[in-house]
Amino acid sequence: MKILKVITFIALIASITSIIIGYTMELSYSKKLIGFGVVGIFFIVFPIFSYYRWKDKDPKDYMITKENIDKMRENQKKYKY
């Protein structure tokens, strides 16, 4: 899935470039460039990045359940936190 990583990186660079150009250049559509850059980061880059990082992981491992609380207590006793 290296292609997804490359797409995410290209979208991030394009969004950041759009924001920088919007701030630095005196254009009639500078505010639109900044807006498109922000929208690109939040609606394109962040969801793709989140999917890429979480696709093979089980959400139950990160939820507070009775089993996970018991595991944490065992680890605290074992390592004496």
C-alpha atoms as a PDB file:
ATOM      1  CA  MET A   1       0.000   0.000   0.000  1.00  0.00           C
ATOM      2  CA  LYS A   2       2.819   2.368  -0.700  1.00  0.00           C
ATOM      3  CA  ILE A   3       0.628   4.118  -3.276  1.00  0.00           C
ATOM      4  CA  LEU A   4      -1.717   5.364  -0.538  1.00  0.00           C
ATOM      5  CA  LYS A   5       1.218   6.821   1.375  1.00  0.00           C
ATOM      6  CA  VAL A   6       2.430   8.639  -1.751  1.00  0.00           C
ATOM      7  CA  ILE A   7      -1.049  10.004  -2.502  1.00  0.00           C
ATOM      8  CA  THR A   8      -1.345  11.279   1.065  1.00  0.00           C
ATOM      9  CA  PHE A   9       2.059  12.960   0.883  1.00  0.00           C
ATOM     10  CA  ILE A  10       1.295  14.622  -2.465  1.00  0.00           C
ATOM     11  CA  ALA A  11      -2.079  15.898  -1.199  1.00  0.00           C
ATOM     12  CA  LEU A  12      -0.406  17.270   1.940  1.00  0.00           C
ATOM     13  CA  ILE A  13       2.272  19.084  -0.060  1.00  0.00           C
ATOM     14  CA  ALA A  14      -0.361  20.511  -2.434  1.00  0.00           C
ATOM     15  CA  SER A  15      -2.497  21.753   0.472  1.00  0.00           C
ATOM     16  CA  ILE A  16       0.414  23.335   2.314  1.00  0.00           C
ATOM     17  CA  THR A  17       1.656  24.941  -0.905  1.00  0.00           C
ATOM     18  CA  SER A  18      -1.795  26.365  -1.553  1.00  0.00           C
ATOM     19  CA  ILE A  19      -1.917  27.877   1.930  1.00  0.00           C
ATOM     20  CA  ILE A  20       1.587  29.361   1.639  1.00  0.00           C
ATOM     21  CA  ILE A  21       0.900  30.835  -1.793  1.00  0.00           C
ATOM     22  CA  GLY A  22      -2.376  32.287  -0.524  1.00  0.00           C
ATOM     23  CA  TYR A  23      -0.597  34.039   2.326  1.00  0.00           C
ATOM     24  CA  THR A  24       2.477  35.266   0.477  1.00  0.00           C
ATOM     25  CA  MET A  25       1.223  36.357  -2.947  1.00  0.00           C
ATOM     26  CA  GLU A  26      -1.004  39.359  -3.539  1.00  0.00           C
ATOM     27  CA  LEU A  27      -3.664  37.717  -5.699  1.00  0.00           C
ATOM     28  CA  SER A  28      -7.366  38.417  -6.016  1.00  0.00           C
ATOM     29  CA  TYR A  29      -8.122  34.798  -5.064  1.00  0.00           C
ATOM     30  CA  SER A  30      -5.654  34.452  -2.158  1.00  0.00           C
ATOM     31  CA  LYS A  31      -8.395  33.694   0.352  1.00  0.00           C
ATOM     32  CA  LYS A  32      -9.717  30.914  -1.869  1.00  0.00           C
ATOM     33  CA  LEU A  33      -6.259  29.348  -2.051  1.00  0.00           C
ATOM     34  CA  ILE A  34      -5.993  29.379   1.736  1.00  0.00           C
ATOM     35  CA  GLY A  35      -9.489  27.918   2.033  1.00  0.00           C
ATOM     36  CA  PHE A  36      -8.814  25.139  -0.480  1.00  0.00           C
ATOM     37  CA  GLY A  37      -5.603  24.295   1.339  1.00  0.00           C
ATOM     38  CA  VAL A  38      -7.367  23.999   4.692  1.00  0.00           C
ATOM     39  CA  VAL A  39     -10.215  21.971   3.192  1.00  0.00           C
ATOM     40  CA  GLY A  40      -7.680  19.717   1.490  1.00  0.00           C
ATOM     41  CA  ILE A  41      -5.888  19.021   4.752  1.00  0.00           C
ATOM     42  CA  PHE A  42      -9.022  18.326   6.784  1.00  0.00           C
ATOM     43  CA  PHE A  43     -11.219  16.550   4.243  1.00  0.00           C
ATOM     44  CA  ILE A  44      -8.670  14.761   2.052  1.00  0.00           C
ATOM     45  CA  VAL A  45      -5.302  14.348   3.790  1.00  0.00           C
ATOM     46  CA  PHE A  46      -6.470  13.581   7.322  1.00  0.00           C
ATOM     47  CA  PRO A  47      -9.050  10.900   6.386  1.00  0.00           C
ATOM     48  CA  ILE A  48      -6.642   9.149   4.007  1.00  0.00           C
ATOM     49  CA  PHE A  49      -3.904   9.254   6.633  1.00  0.00           C
ATOM     50  CA  SER A  50      -6.267   7.920   9.311  1.00  0.00           C
ATOM     51  CA  TYR A  51      -7.394   5.067   7.077  1.00  0.00           C
ATOM     52  CA  TYR A  52      -3.804   4.220   6.162  1.00  0.00           C
ATOM     53  CA  ARG A  53      -2.707   4.089   9.817  1.00  0.00           C
ATOM     54  CA  TRP A  54      -5.741   2.194  11.192  1.00  0.00           C
ATOM     55  CA  LYS A  55      -6.553  -0.271   8.381  1.00  0.00           C
ATOM     56  CA  ASP A  56      -4.963  -3.370  10.002  1.00  0.00           C
ATOM     57  CA  LYS A  57      -5.683  -2.577  13.635  1.00  0.00           C
ATOM     58  CA  ASP A  58      -8.502  -3.747  15.870  1.00  0.00           C
ATOM     59  CA  PRO A  59     -10.361  -0.880  17.580  1.00  0.00           C
ATOM     60  CA  LYS A  60     -11.200  -3.149  20.513  1.00  0.00           C
ATOM     61  CA  ASP A  61      -7.537  -3.044  21.537  1.00  0.00           C
ATOM     62  CA  TYR A  62      -7.885   0.682  22.201  1.00  0.00           C
ATOM     63  CA  MET A  63     -11.231   0.641  24.042  1.00  0.00           C
ATOM     64  CA  ILE A  64     -11.597   0.479  27.800  1.00  0.00           C
ATOM     65  CA  THR A  65     -13.193  -2.888  28.461  1.00  0.00           C
ATOM     66  CA  LYS A  66     -13.191  -5.182  31.467  1.00  0.00           C
ATOM     67  CA  GLU A  67     -10.520  -7.384  29.855  1.00  0.00           C
ATOM     68  CA  ASN A  68      -8.252  -4.430  29.060  1.00  0.00           C
ATOM     69  CA  ILE A  69      -8.623  -3.051  32.593  1.00  0.00           C
ATOM     70  CA  ASP A  70      -7.636  -6.461  33.964  1.00  0.00           C
ATOM     71  CA  LYS A  71      -4.580  -6.527  31.665  1.00  0.00           C
ATOM     72  CA  MET A  72      -3.554  -3.069  32.863  1.00  0.00           C
ATOM     73  CA  ARG A  73      -3.865  -4.119  36.489  1.00  0.00           C
ATOM     74  CA  GLU A  74      -1.783  -7.242  35.846  1.00  0.00           C
ATOM     75  CA  ASN A  75       0.907  -5.129  34.196  1.00  0.00           C
ATOM     76  CA  GLN A  76       0.908  -2.708  37.126  1.00  0.00           C
ATOM     77  CA  LYS A  77       1.433  -5.563  39.561  1.00  0.00           C
ATOM     78  CA  LYS A  78       4.038  -7.187  37.354  1.00  0.00           C
ATOM     79  CA  TYR A  79       6.115  -4.071  36.748  1.00  0.00           C
ATOM     80  CA  LYS A  80       5.160  -2.238  39.972  1.00  0.00           C
ATOM     81  CA  TYR A  81       4.264   1.148  38.486  1.00  0.00           C
END
